[in-house]
Protein backbone atom coordinates (compact mmCIF):
# COMPACT_ATOMS: atom_id res chain seq x y z
CA MET A 1 0.00 0.00 0.00
CA ASP A 2 3.03 2.31 0.20
CA ASP A 3 2.62 3.41 -3.42
CA LEU A 4 -0.98 4.49 -2.94
CA HIS A 5 -2.00 8.08 -2.32
CA ALA A 6 -3.26 8.80 1.21
CA SER A 7 -6.80 9.43 -0.05
CA VAL A 8 -6.95 5.92 -1.53
CA VAL A 9 -5.61 4.29 1.64
CA VAL A 10 -8.06 6.22 3.83
CA GLN A 11 -10.96 5.25 1.54
CA ILE A 12 -9.98 1.57 1.64
CA GLU A 13 -9.37 1.46 5.40
CA SER A 14 -12.12 3.72 6.69
CA GLY A 15 -14.70 3.92 3.93
CA LYS A 16 -14.47 7.73 4.06
CA ALA A 17 -13.05 10.30 1.70
CA LEU A 18 -9.86 11.99 2.94
CA ALA A 19 -11.35 15.38 3.91
CA PRO A 20 -14.16 13.97 6.12
CA TYR A 21 -11.71 11.48 7.65
CA VAL A 22 -9.26 14.26 8.55
CA GLN A 23 -12.13 16.33 10.00
CA THR A 24 -13.16 13.37 12.19
CA MET A 25 -9.57 12.82 13.32
CA ARG A 26 -9.29 16.46 14.43
CA SER A 27 -11.80 15.82 17.20
CA VAL A 28 -10.25 15.45 20.66
CA ASN A 29 -12.61 12.50 21.18
CA THR A 30 -11.26 10.52 18.22
CA TRP A 31 -8.46 8.00 18.63
CA GLY A 32 -6.08 6.96 15.89
CA GLY A 33 -5.65 3.50 14.47
CA ALA A 34 -3.72 1.62 11.82
CA ILE A 35 -3.68 4.56 9.40
CA GLU A 36 -2.07 6.81 12.00
CA ILE A 37 0.41 4.12 13.05
CA ARG A 38 1.47 3.74 9.43
CA ALA A 39 1.85 7.51 9.15
CA PHE A 40 4.06 7.48 12.28
CA VAL A 41 6.26 4.79 10.71
CA GLN A 42 6.72 6.81 7.53
CA LEU A 43 7.24 10.13 9.31
CA TRP A 44 9.69 8.93 11.96
CA LYS A 45 11.25 6.15 9.84
CA ARG A 46 10.82 3.77 12.74
CA PRO A 47 9.02 0.43 12.77
CA VAL A 48 6.10 -0.18 15.14
CA ARG A 49 5.00 -3.46 16.68
CA VAL A 50 1.51 -3.75 18.16
CA PHE A 51 0.71 -6.51 20.63
CA VAL A 52 -2.99 -7.38 20.27
CA LYS A 53 -3.90 -8.56 23.76
CA ARG A 54 -7.03 -10.55 22.93
CA LEU A 55 -5.24 -12.48 20.16
CA ARG A 56 -1.91 -12.63 22.00
CA ARG A 57 -0.16 -11.82 18.69
CA TRP A 58 2.09 -9.11 17.31
CA ILE A 59 1.23 -7.01 14.26
CA GLU A 60 4.23 -5.38 12.64
CA PHE A 61 4.32 -2.08 10.79
CA PRO A 62 7.82 -2.20 9.23
CA TYR A 63 9.71 0.72 7.83
CA GLU A 64 11.22 -0.25 4.50
CA GLY A 65 14.97 0.14 4.53
CA THR A 66 15.57 -0.55 8.22
CA LYS A 67 15.76 -3.70 10.28
CA LEU A 68 13.11 -4.37 12.90
CA ASP A 69 15.72 -4.11 15.67
CA ASN A 70 14.52 -0.95 17.41
CA PRO A 71 10.73 -0.89 17.02
CA CYS A 72 8.33 1.24 18.98
CA ASN A 73 6.23 -1.34 20.88
CA ILE A 74 2.64 -0.67 21.86
CA SER A 75 -0.25 -2.86 22.95
CA TRP A 76 -3.85 -2.74 21.84
CA THR A 77 -6.60 -3.74 24.24
CA GLY A 78 -9.32 -3.58 21.61
CA ALA A 79 -10.30 -0.14 22.84
CA HIS A 80 -7.07 1.85 22.87
CA TYR A 81 -3.28 1.69 22.53
CA GLU A 82 -0.73 1.80 25.34
CA PRO A 83 3.08 1.96 25.26
CA ILE A 84 5.04 -1.13 26.25
CA ARG A 85 8.17 -0.43 28.25
């Protein structure tokens, strides 16, 4: 999906056009998800690993060009994300 424009990715993932999605995300009551994690990876050039507690599995968001040796680790409870120390 890296070669796709943000509007296409947002449409596929959320079912919304980019402008309404961004407007929703600007609300202080709205939490980010996979789209925002992927944006973090691209912006900071750092991989992210998410531990999904209910599945007891890791989901990896790699950054192309780097090894997954210093990822940012977070957990997902099904409701929100928390850092893992």
